[in-house]
Amino acid sequence: MKKTTWLLSIVICGLLALGGAGCKKKDTASSGSPQTLQQGMTKLRAALINAAPDVQSNLYSGVDRGIRYGQYPEALAAMDRIASNPGLNEQQKKLVNEVTELLKQAAEKQQGAAAPAQ
């Protein structure tokens, strides 16, 4: 019984050590502004994980759904509703603005691709 407890303790310590190293690496890799819409949405989901229910609803039902189906105006409208929430902190507001800009770029690309060549 003592051997099992001791072995389990070593395994848990090892996992904690690896988890800490993984988190540190992830933090340094995730610093800075997102370069793609996918990166931006990943960061935004993480930043708004504990946000108010209306923010969560707009994020998942509005923004994610709009992006998934190429409905960028709907996604942008949902981002505006998120941005107007008074419960956001400065970091969240900054990230919302960055992702909004990435969404606008994606919408422009979509419109450019849909326009007939002349």
PDB file of N, CA and C in Angstrom:
ATOM      1  N   MET A   1       0.827  -1.193   0.000  1.00  0.00           N
ATOM      2  CA  MET A   1       0.000   0.000   0.000  1.00  0.00           C
ATOM      3  C   MET A   1       0.873   1.258   0.000  1.00  0.00           C
ATOM      4  N   LYS A   2       1.946   1.267   0.808  1.00  0.00           N
ATOM      5  CA  LYS A   2       2.827   2.430   0.858  1.00  0.00           C
ATOM      6  C   LYS A   2       3.505   2.655  -0.487  1.00  0.00           C
ATOM      7  N   LYS A   3       3.890   1.560  -1.144  1.00  0.00           N
ATOM      8  CA  LYS A   3       4.550   1.662  -2.435  1.00  0.00           C
ATOM      9  C   LYS A   3       3.627   2.324  -3.464  1.00  0.00           C
ATOM     10  N   THR A   4       2.361   1.957  -3.469  1.00  0.00           N
ATOM     11  CA  THR A   4       1.392   2.515  -4.410  1.00  0.00           C
ATOM     12  C   THR A   4       1.183   4.005  -4.152  1.00  0.00           C
ATOM     13  N   THR A   5       1.062   4.386  -2.900  1.00  0.00           N
ATOM     14  CA  THR A   5       0.870   5.794  -2.546  1.00  0.00           C
ATOM     15  C   THR A   5       2.086   6.605  -2.954  1.00  0.00           C
ATOM     16  N   TRP A   6       3.265   6.066  -2.687  1.00  0.00           N
ATOM     17  CA  TRP A   6       4.497   6.756  -3.033  1.00  0.00           C
ATOM     18  C   TRP A   6       4.613   6.921  -4.550  1.00  0.00           C
ATOM     19  N   LEU A   7       4.302   5.877  -5.297  1.00  0.00           N
ATOM     20  CA  LEU A   7       4.376   5.921  -6.754  1.00  0.00           C
ATOM     21  C   LEU A   7       3.354   6.913  -7.316  1.00  0.00           C
ATOM     22  N   LEU A   8       2.164   6.909  -6.754  1.00  0.00           N
ATOM     23  CA  LEU A   8       1.134   7.842  -7.189  1.00  0.00           C
ATOM     24  C   LEU A   8       1.569   9.288  -6.931  1.00  0.00           C
ATOM     25  N   SER A   9       2.220   9.530  -5.806  1.00  0.00           N
ATOM     26  CA  SER A   9       2.717  10.871  -5.486  1.00  0.00           C
ATOM     27  C   SER A   9       3.754  11.334  -6.504  1.00  0.00           C
ATOM     28  N   ILE A  10       4.631  10.446  -6.897  1.00  0.00           N
ATOM     29  CA  ILE A  10       5.659  10.785  -7.883  1.00  0.00           C
ATOM     30  C   ILE A  10       5.016  11.098  -9.237  1.00  0.00           C
ATOM     31  N   VAL A  11       4.041  10.307  -9.616  1.00  0.00           N
ATOM     32  CA  VAL A  11       3.371  10.536 -10.892  1.00  0.00           C
ATOM     33  C   VAL A  11       2.651  11.886 -10.876  1.00  0.00           C
ATOM     34  N   ILE A  12       1.958  12.200  -9.796  1.00  0.00           N
ATOM     35  CA  ILE A  12       1.245  13.476  -9.697  1.00  0.00           C
ATOM     36  C   ILE A  12       2.221  14.641  -9.737  1.00  0.00           C
ATOM     37  N   CYS A  13       3.326  14.532  -9.010  1.00  0.00           N
ATOM     38  CA  CYS A  13       4.335  15.604  -9.035  1.00  0.00           C
ATOM     39  C   CYS A  13       4.895  15.797 -10.445  1.00  0.00           C
ATOM     40  N   GLY A  14       5.139  14.691 -11.127  1.00  0.00           N
ATOM     41  CA  GLY A  14       5.647  14.772 -12.493  1.00  0.00           C
ATOM     42  C   GLY A  14       4.662  15.453 -13.431  1.00  0.00           C
ATOM     43  N   LEU A  15       3.398  15.101 -13.289  1.00  0.00           N
ATOM     44  CA  LEU A  15       2.378  15.724 -14.129  1.00  0.00           C
ATOM     45  C   LEU A  15       2.238  17.211 -13.835  1.00  0.00           C
ATOM     46  N   LEU A  16       2.311  17.576 -12.567  1.00  0.00           N
ATOM     47  CA  LEU A  16       2.239  18.991 -12.206  1.00  0.00           C
ATOM     48  C   LEU A  16       3.423  19.759 -12.775  1.00  0.00           C
ATOM     49  N   ALA A  17       4.578  19.153 -12.726  1.00  0.00           N
ATOM     50  CA  ALA A  17       5.771  19.802 -13.269  1.00  0.00           C
ATOM     51  C   ALA A  17       5.640  19.998 -14.779  1.00  0.00           C
ATOM     52  N   LEU A  18       5.146  18.979 -15.478  1.00  0.00           N
ATOM     53  CA  LEU A  18       4.943  19.096 -16.921  1.00  0.00           C
ATOM     54  C   LEU A  18       3.848  20.099 -17.243  1.00  0.00           C
ATOM     55  N   GLY A  19       2.796  20.091 -16.463  1.00  0.00           N
ATOM     56  CA  GLY A  19       1.692  21.036 -16.675  1.00  0.00           C
ATOM     57  C   GLY A  19       2.159  22.460 -16.504  1.00  0.00           C
ATOM     58  N   GLY A  20       2.965  22.728 -15.515  1.00  0.00           N
ATOM     59  CA  GLY A  20       3.492  24.076 -15.291  1.00  0.00           C
ATOM     60  C   GLY A  20       4.360  24.529 -16.443  1.00  0.00           C
ATOM     61  N   ALA A  21       5.185  23.632 -16.952  1.00  0.00           N
ATOM     62  CA  ALA A  21       6.046  23.986 -18.082  1.00  0.00           C
ATOM     63  C   ALA A  21       5.211  24.251 -19.316  1.00  0.00           C
ATOM     64  N   GLY A  22       4.172  23.454 -19.517  1.00  0.00           N
ATOM     65  CA  GLY A  22       3.294  23.652 -20.665  1.00  0.00           C
ATOM     66  C   GLY A  22       2.570  24.978 -20.587  1.00  0.00           C
ATOM     67  N   CYS A  23       2.132  25.346 -19.399  1.00  0.00           N
ATOM     68  CA  CYS A  23       1.414  26.608 -19.230  1.00  0.00           C
ATOM     69  C   CYS A  23       2.342  27.783 -19.504  1.00  0.00           C
ATOM     70  N   LYS A  24       3.565  27.690 -19.026  1.00  0.00           N
ATOM     71  CA  LYS A  24       4.514  28.777 -19.233  1.00  0.00           C
ATOM     72  C   LYS A  24       4.796  28.966 -20.718  1.00  0.00           C
ATOM     73  N   LYS A  25       4.989  27.864 -21.416  1.00  0.00           N
ATOM     74  CA  LYS A  25       5.250  27.935 -22.843  1.00  0.00           C
ATOM     75  C   LYS A  25       4.050  28.515 -23.577  1.00  0.00           C
ATOM     76  N   LYS A  26       2.873  28.107 -23.190  1.00  0.00           N
ATOM     77  CA  LYS A  26       1.663  28.599 -23.829  1.00  0.00           C
ATOM     78  C   LYS A  26       1.487  30.093 -23.598  1.00  0.00           C
ATOM     79  N   ASP A  27       1.774  30.559 -22.378  1.00  0.00           N
ATOM     80  CA  ASP A  27       1.628  31.974 -22.066  1.00  0.00           C
ATOM     81  C   ASP A  27       2.543  32.832 -22.921  1.00  0.00           C
ATOM     82  N   THR A  28       3.788  32.407 -23.094  1.00  0.00           N
ATOM     83  CA  THR A  28       4.707  33.207 -23.886  1.00  0.00           C
ATOM     84  C   THR A  28       4.333  33.163 -25.352  1.00  0.00           C
ATOM     85  N   ALA A  29       3.773  32.046 -25.812  1.00  0.00           N
ATOM     86  CA  ALA A  29       3.376  31.939 -27.211  1.00  0.00           C
ATOM     87  C   ALA A  29       2.120  32.741 -27.492  1.00  0.00           C
ATOM     88  N   SER A  30       1.294  32.962 -26.463  1.00  0.00           N
ATOM     89  CA  SER A  30       0.018  33.627 -26.692  1.00  0.00           C
ATOM     90  C   SER A  30       0.083  35.135 -26.471  1.00  0.00           C
ATOM     91  N   SER A  31       1.256  35.671 -26.161  1.00  0.00           N
ATOM     92  CA  SER A  31       1.353  37.106 -25.940  1.00  0.00           C
ATOM     93  C   SER A  31       1.307  37.835 -27.276  1.00  0.00           C
ATOM     94  N   GLY A  32       0.863  39.075 -27.252  1.00  0.00           N
ATOM     95  CA  GLY A  32       0.778  39.864 -28.464  1.00  0.00           C
ATOM     96  C   GLY A  32      -0.605  39.788 -29.084  1.00  0.00           C
ATOM     97  N   SER A  33      -0.777  40.551 -30.147  1.00  0.00           N
ATOM     98  CA  SER A  33      -2.062  40.599 -30.839  1.00  0.00           C
ATOM     99  C   SER A  33      -2.238  39.371 -31.710  1.00  0.00           C
ATOM    100  N   PRO A  34      -3.479  38.915 -31.834  1.00  0.00           N
ATOM    101  CA  PRO A  34      -3.736  37.774 -32.724  1.00  0.00           C
ATOM    102  C   PRO A  34      -3.518  38.177 -34.177  1.00  0.00           C
ATOM    103  N   GLN A  35      -2.983  37.262 -34.953  1.00  0.00           N
ATOM    104  CA  GLN A  35      -2.689  37.538 -36.354  1.00  0.00           C
ATOM    105  C   GLN A  35      -3.776  37.020 -37.287  1.00  0.00           C
ATOM    106  N   THR A  36      -4.532  36.012 -36.839  1.00  0.00           N
ATOM    107  CA  THR A  36      -5.597  35.452 -37.655  1.00  0.00           C
ATOM    108  C   THR A  36      -6.900  35.479 -36.869  1.00  0.00           C
ATOM    109  N   LEU A  37      -7.991  35.328 -37.569  1.00  0.00           N
ATOM    110  CA  LEU A  37      -9.294  35.304 -36.919  1.00  0.00           C
ATOM    111  C   LEU A  37      -9.401  34.117 -35.973  1.00  0.00           C
ATOM    112  N   GLN A  38      -8.848  32.993 -36.373  1.00  0.00           N
ATOM    113  CA  GLN A  38      -8.878  31.804 -35.512  1.00  0.00           C
ATOM    114  C   GLN A  38      -8.104  32.053 -34.215  1.00  0.00           C
ATOM    115  N   GLN A  39      -6.921  32.638 -34.311  1.00  0.00           N
ATOM    116  CA  GLN A  39      -6.151  32.966 -33.103  1.00  0.00           C
ATOM    117  C   GLN A  39      -6.921  33.950 -32.227  1.00  0.00           C
ATOM    118  N   GLY A  40      -7.522  34.929 -32.852  1.00  0.00           N
ATOM    119  CA  GLY A  40      -8.277  35.926 -32.116  1.00  0.00           C
ATOM    120  C   GLY A  40      -9.456  35.318 -31.382  1.00  0.00           C
ATOM    121  N   MET A  41     -10.169  34.423 -32.032  1.00  0.00           N
ATOM    122  CA  MET A  41     -11.320  33.791 -31.393  1.00  0.00           C
ATOM    123  C   MET A  41     -10.890  32.881 -30.254  1.00  0.00           C
ATOM    124  N   THR A  42      -9.769  32.207 -30.407  1.00  0.00           N
ATOM    125  CA  THR A  42      -9.258  31.364 -29.331  1.00  0.00           C
ATOM    126  C   THR A  42      -8.932  32.210 -28.108  1.00  0.00           C
ATOM    127  N   LYS A  43      -8.256  33.331 -28.334  1.00  0.00           N
ATOM    128  CA  LYS A  43      -7.921  34.229 -27.228  1.00  0.00           C
ATOM    129  C   LYS A  43      -9.170  34.854 -26.615  1.00  0.00           C
ATOM    130  N   LEU A  44     -10.115  35.226 -27.474  1.00  0.00           N
ATOM    131  CA  LEU A  44     -11.337  35.862 -26.985  1.00  0.00           C
ATOM    132  C   LEU A  44     -12.155  34.898 -26.133  1.00  0.00           C
ATOM    133  N   ARG A  45     -12.286  33.654 -26.577  1.00  0.00           N
ATOM    134  CA  ARG A  45     -13.011  32.658 -25.776  1.00  0.00           C
ATOM    135  C   ARG A  45     -12.364  32.500 -24.408  1.00  0.00           C
ATOM    136  N   ALA A  46     -11.042  32.455 -24.380  1.00  0.00           N
ATOM    137  CA  ALA A  46     -10.336  32.298 -23.108  1.00  0.00           C
ATOM    138  C   ALA A  46     -10.510  33.531 -22.218  1.00  0.00           C
ATOM    139  N   ALA A  47     -10.477  34.709 -22.820  1.00  0.00           N
ATOM    140  CA  ALA A  47     -10.594  35.945 -22.049  1.00  0.00           C
ATOM    141  C   ALA A  47     -12.000  36.143 -21.493  1.00  0.00           C
ATOM    142  N   LEU A  48     -12.999  35.597 -22.182  1.00  0.00           N
ATOM    143  CA  LEU A  48     -14.387  35.811 -21.770  1.00  0.00           C
ATOM    144  C   LEU A  48     -14.999  34.585 -21.098  1.00  0.00           C
ATOM    145  N   ILE A  49     -14.159  33.665 -20.659  1.00  0.00           N
ATOM    146  CA  ILE A  49     -14.647  32.412 -20.079  1.00  0.00           C
ATOM    147  C   ILE A  49     -15.554  32.648 -18.865  1.00  0.00           C
ATOM    148  N   ASN A  50     -15.292  33.669 -18.083  1.00  0.00           N
ATOM    149  CA  ASN A  50     -16.090  33.959 -16.895  1.00  0.00           C
ATOM    150  C   ASN A  50     -16.959  35.201 -17.062  1.00  0.00           C
ATOM    151  N   ALA A  51     -17.206  35.591 -18.293  1.00  0.00           N
ATOM    152  CA  ALA A  51     -17.999  36.795 -18.557  1.00  0.00           C
ATOM    153  C   ALA A  51     -19.481  36.535 -18.284  1.00  0.00           C
ATOM    154  N   ALA A  52     -20.248  37.597 -18.325  1.00  0.00           N
ATOM    155  CA  ALA A  52     -21.689  37.528 -18.075  1.00  0.00           C
ATOM    156  C   ALA A  52     -22.377  36.614 -19.098  1.00  0.00           C
ATOM    157  N   PRO A  53     -23.521  36.045 -18.737  1.00  0.00           N
ATOM    158  CA  PRO A  53     -24.230  35.133 -19.643  1.00  0.00           C
ATOM    159  C   PRO A  53     -24.589  35.756 -20.996  1.00  0.00           C
ATOM    160  N   ASP A  54     -24.954  37.036 -21.020  1.00  0.00           N
ATOM    161  CA  ASP A  54     -25.282  37.656 -22.303  1.00  0.00           C
ATOM    162  C   ASP A  54     -24.048  37.775 -23.201  1.00  0.00           C
ATOM    163  N   VAL A  55     -22.894  37.980 -22.599  1.00  0.00           N
ATOM    164  CA  VAL A  55     -21.646  38.026 -23.375  1.00  0.00           C
ATOM    165  C   VAL A  55     -21.362  36.640 -23.948  1.00  0.00           C
ATOM    166  N   GLN A  56     -21.510  35.607 -23.125  1.00  0.00           N
ATOM    167  CA  GLN A  56     -21.289  34.231 -23.578  1.00  0.00           C
ATOM    168  C   GLN A  56     -22.247  33.884 -24.721  1.00  0.00           C
ATOM    169  N   SER A  57     -23.494  34.273 -24.574  1.00  0.00           N
ATOM    170  CA  SER A  57     -24.493  33.985 -25.606  1.00  0.00           C
ATOM    171  C   SER A  57     -24.124  34.665 -26.928  1.00  0.00           C
ATOM    172  N   ASN A  58     -23.745  35.932 -26.854  1.00  0.00           N
ATOM    173  CA  ASN A  58     -23.338  36.641 -28.073  1.00  0.00           C
ATOM    174  C   ASN A  58     -22.086  36.042 -28.678  1.00  0.00           C
ATOM    175  N   LEU A  59     -21.177  35.588 -27.831  1.00  0.00           N
ATOM    176  CA  LEU A  59     -19.929  35.012 -28.330  1.00  0.00           C
ATOM    177  C   LEU A  59     -20.187  33.715 -29.081  1.00  0.00           C
ATOM    178  N   TYR A  60     -20.924  32.811 -28.466  1.00  0.00           N
ATOM    179  CA  TYR A  60     -21.099  31.490 -29.065  1.00  0.00           C
ATOM    180  C   TYR A  60     -22.236  31.437 -30.083  1.00  0.00           C
ATOM    181  N   SER A  61     -23.371  32.059 -29.771  1.00  0.00           N
ATOM    182  CA  SER A  61     -24.500  32.009 -30.703  1.00  0.00           C
ATOM    183  C   SER A  61     -24.386  33.054 -31.796  1.00  0.00           C
ATOM    184  N   GLY A  62     -23.712  34.144 -31.515  1.00  0.00           N
ATOM    185  CA  GLY A  62     -23.602  35.211 -32.493  1.00  0.00           C
ATOM    186  C   GLY A  62     -22.312  35.170 -33.287  1.00  0.00           C
ATOM    187  N   VAL A  63     -21.198  35.361 -32.589  1.00  0.00           N
ATOM    188  CA  VAL A  63     -19.908  35.483 -33.281  1.00  0.00           C
ATOM    189  C   VAL A  63     -19.465  34.142 -33.867  1.00  0.00           C
ATOM    190  N   ASP A  64     -19.408  33.115 -33.040  1.00  0.00           N
ATOM    191  CA  ASP A  64     -18.951  31.810 -33.544  1.00  0.00           C
ATOM    192  C   ASP A  64     -19.832  31.306 -34.679  1.00  0.00           C
ATOM    193  N   ARG A  65     -21.128  31.422 -34.495  1.00  0.00           N
ATOM    194  CA  ARG A  65     -22.065  30.949 -35.518  1.00  0.00           C
ATOM    195  C   ARG A  65     -21.896  31.759 -36.806  1.00  0.00           C
ATOM    196  N   GLY A  66     -21.774  33.070 -36.676  1.00  0.00           N
ATOM    197  CA  GLY A  66     -21.597  33.915 -37.849  1.00  0.00           C
ATOM    198  C   GLY A  66     -20.334  33.578 -38.625  1.00  0.00           C
ATOM    199  N   ILE A  67     -19.251  33.332 -37.896  1.00  0.00           N
ATOM    200  CA  ILE A  67     -17.991  32.966 -38.553  1.00  0.00           C
ATOM    201  C   ILE A  67     -18.123  31.608 -39.225  1.00  0.00           C
ATOM    202  N   ARG A  68     -18.685  30.669 -38.510  1.00  0.00           N
ATOM    203  CA  ARG A  68     -18.812  29.300 -39.037  1.00  0.00           C
ATOM    204  C   ARG A  68     -19.570  29.283 -40.362  1.00  0.00           C
ATOM    205  N   TYR A  69     -20.627  30.084 -40.466  1.00  0.00           N
ATOM    206  CA  TYR A  69     -21.454  30.070 -41.660  1.00  0.00           C
ATOM    207  C   TYR A  69     -21.160  31.224 -42.619  1.00  0.00           C
ATOM    208  N   GLY A  70     -20.077  31.949 -42.377  1.00  0.00           N
ATOM    209  CA  GLY A  70     -19.690  33.035 -43.267  1.00  0.00           C
ATOM    210  C   GLY A  70     -20.633  34.224 -43.222  1.00  0.00           C
ATOM    211  N   GLN A  71     -21.346  34.379 -42.120  1.00  0.00           N
ATOM    212  CA  GLN A  71     -22.277  35.481 -41.943  1.00  0.00           C
ATOM    213  C   GLN A  71     -21.596  36.564 -41.101  1.00  0.00           C
ATOM    214  N   TYR A  72     -20.654  37.249 -41.724  1.00  0.00           N
ATOM    215  CA  TYR A  72     -19.828  38.210 -41.001  1.00  0.00           C
ATOM    216  C   TYR A  72     -20.595  39.425 -40.478  1.00  0.00           C
ATOM    217  N   PRO A  73     -21.601  39.932 -41.190  1.00  0.00           N
ATOM    218  CA  PRO A  73     -22.361  41.048 -40.602  1.00  0.00           C
ATOM    219  C   PRO A  73     -23.035  40.655 -39.271  1.00  0.00           C
ATOM    220  N   GLU A  74     -23.558  39.436 -39.195  1.00  0.00           N
ATOM    221  CA  GLU A  74     -24.169  38.971 -37.949  1.00  0.00           C
ATOM    222  C   GLU A  74     -23.123  38.815 -36.857  1.00  0.00           C
ATOM    223  N   ALA A  75     -21.957  38.320 -37.239  1.00  0.00           N
ATOM    224  CA  ALA A  75     -20.866  38.155 -36.268  1.00  0.00           C
ATOM    225  C   ALA A  75     -20.397  39.516 -35.757  1.00  0.00           C
ATOM    226  N   LEU A  76     -20.316  40.489 -36.655  1.00  0.00           N
ATOM    227  CA  LEU A  76     -19.907  41.840 -36.254  1.00  0.00           C
ATOM    228  C   LEU A  76     -20.947  42.490 -35.345  1.00  0.00           C
ATOM    229  N   ALA A  77     -22.219  42.254 -35.621  1.00  0.00           N
ATOM    230  CA  ALA A  77     -23.278  42.801 -34.759  1.00  0.00           C
ATOM    231  C   ALA A  77     -23.177  42.199 -33.351  1.00  0.00           C
ATOM    232  N   ALA A  78     -22.895  40.907 -33.270  1.00  0.00           N
ATOM    233  CA  ALA A  78     -22.722  40.254 -31.968  1.00  0.00           C
ATOM    234  C   ALA A  78     -21.487  40.797 -31.253  1.00  0.00           C
ATOM    235  N   MET A  79     -20.422  41.079 -32.003  1.00  0.00           N
ATOM    236  CA  MET A  79     -19.218  41.662 -31.402  1.00  0.00           C
ATOM    237  C   MET A  79     -19.514  43.051 -30.852  1.00  0.00           C
ATOM    238  N   ASP A  80     -20.344  43.816 -31.546  1.00  0.00           N
ATOM    239  CA  ASP A  80     -20.730  45.143 -31.051  1.00  0.00           C
ATOM    240  C   ASP A  80     -21.493  45.026 -29.730  1.00  0.00           C
ATOM    241  N   ARG A  81     -22.367  44.015 -29.643  1.00  0.00           N
ATOM    242  CA  ARG A  81     -23.112  43.818 -28.393  1.00  0.00           C
ATOM    243  C   ARG A  81     -22.166  43.431 -27.256  1.00  0.00           C
ATOM    244  N   ILE A  82     -21.154  42.620 -27.570  1.00  0.00           N
ATOM    245  CA  ILE A  82     -20.164  42.236 -26.554  1.00  0.00           C
ATOM    246  C   ILE A  82     -19.370  43.468 -26.127  1.00  0.00           C
ATOM    247  N   ALA A  83     -18.927  44.256 -27.102  1.00  0.00           N
ATOM    248  CA  ALA A  83     -18.109  45.441 -26.814  1.00  0.00           C
ATOM    249  C   ALA A  83     -18.849  46.456 -25.958  1.00  0.00           C
ATOM    250  N   SER A  84     -20.167  46.514 -26.074  1.00  0.00           N
ATOM    251  CA  SER A  84     -20.937  47.496 -25.313  1.00  0.00           C
ATOM    252  C   SER A  84     -21.259  47.030 -23.891  1.00  0.00           C
ATOM    253  N   ASN A  85     -20.828  45.825 -23.531  1.00  0.00           N
ATOM    254  CA  ASN A  85     -21.090  45.325 -22.184  1.00  0.00           C
ATOM    255  C   ASN A  85     -20.201  46.063 -21.185  1.00  0.00           C
ATOM    256  N   PRO A  86     -20.801  46.676 -20.166  1.00  0.00           N
ATOM    257  CA  PRO A  86     -20.006  47.447 -19.204  1.00  0.00           C
ATOM    258  C   PRO A  86     -19.161  46.584 -18.260  1.00  0.00           C
ATOM    259  N   GLY A  87     -19.382  45.293 -18.245  1.00  0.00           N
ATOM    260  CA  GLY A  87     -18.644  44.422 -17.336  1.00  0.00           C
ATOM    261  C   GLY A  87     -17.274  43.992 -17.841  1.00  0.00           C
ATOM    262  N   LEU A  88     -16.906  44.382 -19.049  1.00  0.00           N
ATOM    263  CA  LEU A  88     -15.610  43.972 -19.598  1.00  0.00           C
ATOM    264  C   LEU A  88     -14.488  44.808 -19.009  1.00  0.00           C
ATOM    265  N   ASN A  89     -13.346  44.154 -18.764  1.00  0.00           N
ATOM    266  CA  ASN A  89     -12.175  44.908 -18.318  1.00  0.00           C
ATOM    267  C   ASN A  89     -11.407  45.427 -19.540  1.00  0.00           C
ATOM    268  N   GLU A  90     -10.361  46.189 -19.296  1.00  0.00           N
ATOM    269  CA  GLU A  90      -9.618  46.821 -20.395  1.00  0.00           C
ATOM    270  C   GLU A  90      -8.991  45.798 -21.341  1.00  0.00           C
ATOM    271  N   GLN A  91      -8.438  44.721 -20.790  1.00  0.00           N
ATOM    272  CA  GLN A  91      -7.825  43.689 -21.632  1.00  0.00           C
ATOM    273  C   GLN A  91      -8.880  43.037 -22.533  1.00  0.00           C
ATOM    274  N   GLN A  92     -10.053  42.744 -21.976  1.00  0.00           N
ATOM    275  CA  GLN A  92     -11.122  42.144 -22.758  1.00  0.00           C
ATOM    276  C   GLN A  92     -11.599  43.092 -23.848  1.00  0.00           C
ATOM    277  N   LYS A  93     -11.742  44.370 -23.516  1.00  0.00           N
ATOM    278  CA  LYS A  93     -12.169  45.357 -24.510  1.00  0.00           C
ATOM    279  C   LYS A  93     -11.167  45.453 -25.656  1.00  0.00           C
ATOM    280  N   LYS A  94      -9.876  45.445 -25.308  1.00  0.00           N
ATOM    281  CA  LYS A  94      -8.828  45.520 -26.324  1.00  0.00           C
ATOM    282  C   LYS A  94      -8.906  44.312 -27.255  1.00  0.00           C
ATOM    283  N   LEU A  95      -9.084  43.142 -26.678  1.00  0.00           N
ATOM    284  CA  LEU A  95      -9.161  41.918 -27.469  1.00  0.00           C
ATOM    285  C   LEU A  95     -10.419  41.900 -28.335  1.00  0.00           C
ATOM    286  N   VAL A  96     -11.531  42.375 -27.803  1.00  0.00           N
ATOM    287  CA  VAL A  96     -12.766  42.471 -28.592  1.00  0.00           C
ATOM    288  C   VAL A  96     -12.532  43.376 -29.795  1.00  0.00           C
ATOM    289  N   ASN A  97     -11.858  44.492 -29.599  1.00  0.00           N
ATOM    290  CA  ASN A  97     -11.570  45.409 -30.707  1.00  0.00           C
ATOM    291  C   ASN A  97     -10.645  44.776 -31.746  1.00  0.00           C
ATOM    292  N   GLU A  98      -9.635  44.031 -31.281  1.00  0.00           N
ATOM    293  CA  GLU A  98      -8.720  43.369 -32.214  1.00  0.00           C
ATOM    294  C   GLU A  98      -9.449  42.320 -33.052  1.00  0.00           C
ATOM    295  N   VAL A  99     -10.294  41.532 -32.404  1.00  0.00           N
ATOM    296  CA  VAL A  99     -11.028  40.492 -33.134  1.00  0.00           C
ATOM    297  C   VAL A  99     -12.056  41.138 -34.079  1.00  0.00           C
ATOM    298  N   THR A 100     -12.643  42.244 -33.659  1.00  0.00           N
ATOM    299  CA  THR A 100     -13.572  42.952 -34.540  1.00  0.00           C
ATOM    300  C   THR A 100     -12.865  43.392 -35.819  1.00  0.00           C
ATOM    301  N   GLU A 101     -11.645  43.887 -35.693  1.00  0.00           N
ATOM    302  CA  GLU A 101     -10.881  44.287 -36.878  1.00  0.00           C
ATOM    303  C   GLU A 101     -10.590  43.078 -37.776  1.00  0.00           C
ATOM    304  N   LEU A 102     -10.243  41.949 -37.173  1.00  0.00           N
ATOM    305  CA  LEU A 102     -10.003  40.733 -37.959  1.00  0.00           C
ATOM    306  C   LEU A 102     -11.273  40.278 -38.664  1.00  0.00           C
ATOM    307  N   LEU A 103     -12.406  40.414 -37.984  1.00  0.00           N
ATOM    308  CA  LEU A 103     -13.701  40.077 -38.601  1.00  0.00           C
ATOM    309  C   LEU A 103     -14.002  40.993 -39.779  1.00  0.00           C
ATOM    310  N   LYS A 104     -13.717  42.268 -39.621  1.00  0.00           N
ATOM    311  CA  LYS A 104     -13.948  43.221 -40.708  1.00  0.00           C
ATOM    312  C   LYS A 104     -13.102  42.862 -41.929  1.00  0.00           C
ATOM    313  N   GLN A 105     -11.857  42.473 -41.685  1.00  0.00           N
ATOM    314  CA  GLN A 105     -10.984  42.060 -42.785  1.00  0.00           C
ATOM    315  C   GLN A 105     -11.534  40.823 -43.487  1.00  0.00           C
ATOM    316  N   ALA A 106     -12.029  39.861 -42.701  1.00  0.00           N
ATOM    317  CA  ALA A 106     -12.597  38.647 -43.289  1.00  0.00           C
ATOM    318  C   ALA A 106     -13.843  38.981 -44.103  1.00  0.00           C
ATOM    319  N   ALA A 107     -14.651  39.907 -43.610  1.00  0.00           N
ATOM    320  CA  ALA A 107     -15.859  40.315 -44.336  1.00  0.00           C
ATOM    321  C   ALA A 107     -15.488  40.990 -45.655  1.00  0.00           C
ATOM    322  N   GLU A 108     -14.453  41.826 -45.633  1.00  0.00           N
ATOM    323  CA  GLU A 108     -14.002  42.491 -46.855  1.00  0.00           C
ATOM    324  C   GLU A 108     -13.481  41.477 -47.873  1.00  0.00           C
ATOM    325  N   LYS A 109     -12.738  40.495 -47.417  1.00  0.00           N
ATOM    326  CA  LYS A 109     -12.239  39.449 -48.309  1.00  0.00           C
ATOM    327  C   LYS A 109     -13.395  38.677 -48.928  1.00  0.00           C
ATOM    328  N   GLN A 110     -14.400  38.385 -48.105  1.00  0.00           N
ATOM    329  CA  GLN A 110     -15.560  37.649 -48.598  1.00  0.00           C
ATOM    330  C   GLN A 110     -16.304  38.459 -49.651  1.00  0.00           C
ATOM    331  N   GLN A 111     -16.465  39.744 -49.416  1.00  0.00           N
ATOM    332  CA  GLN A 111     -17.138  40.611 -50.385  1.00  0.00           C
ATOM    333  C   GLN A 111     -16.327  40.734 -51.662  1.00  0.00           C
ATOM    334  N   GLY A 112     -15.004  40.811 -51.525  1.00  0.00           N
ATOM    335  CA  GLY A 112     -14.137  40.888 -52.697  1.00  0.00           C
ATOM    336  C   GLY A 112     -14.190  39.626 -53.523  1.00  0.00           C
ATOM    337  N   ALA A 113     -14.288  38.486 -52.859  1.00  0.00           N
ATOM    338  CA  ALA A 113     -14.369  37.211 -53.567  1.00  0.00           C
ATOM    339  C   ALA A 113     -15.718  37.032 -54.243  1.00  0.00           C
ATOM    340  N   ALA A 114     -16.767  37.609 -53.654  1.00  0.00           N
ATOM    341  CA  ALA A 114     -18.116  37.476 -54.207  1.00  0.00           C
ATOM    342  C   ALA A 114     -18.370  38.444 -55.354  1.00  0.00           C
ATOM    343  N   ALA A 115     -17.577  39.506 -55.426  1.00  0.00           N
ATOM    344  CA  ALA A 115     -17.784  40.497 -56.487  1.00  0.00           C
ATOM    345  C   ALA A 115     -17.373  39.910 -57.840  1.00  0.00           C
ATOM    346  N   PRO A 116     -18.184  40.119 -58.865  1.00  0.00           N
ATOM    347  CA  PRO A 116     -17.836  39.587 -60.192  1.00  0.00           C
ATOM    348  C   PRO A 116     -16.627  40.322 -60.785  1.00  0.00           C
ATOM    349  N   ALA A 117     -15.791  39.579 -61.445  1.00  0.00           N
ATOM    350  CA  ALA A 117     -14.604  40.159 -62.095  1.00  0.00           C
ATOM    351  C   ALA A 117     -15.035  40.971 -63.296  1.00  0.00           C
ATOM    352  N   GLN A 118     -14.418  42.130 -63.467  1.00  0.00           N
ATOM    353  CA  GLN A 118     -14.781  42.995 -64.592  1.00  0.00           C
ATOM    354  C   GLN A 118     -13.629  43.196 -65.507  1.00  0.00           C
TER     355      GLN A 118
END
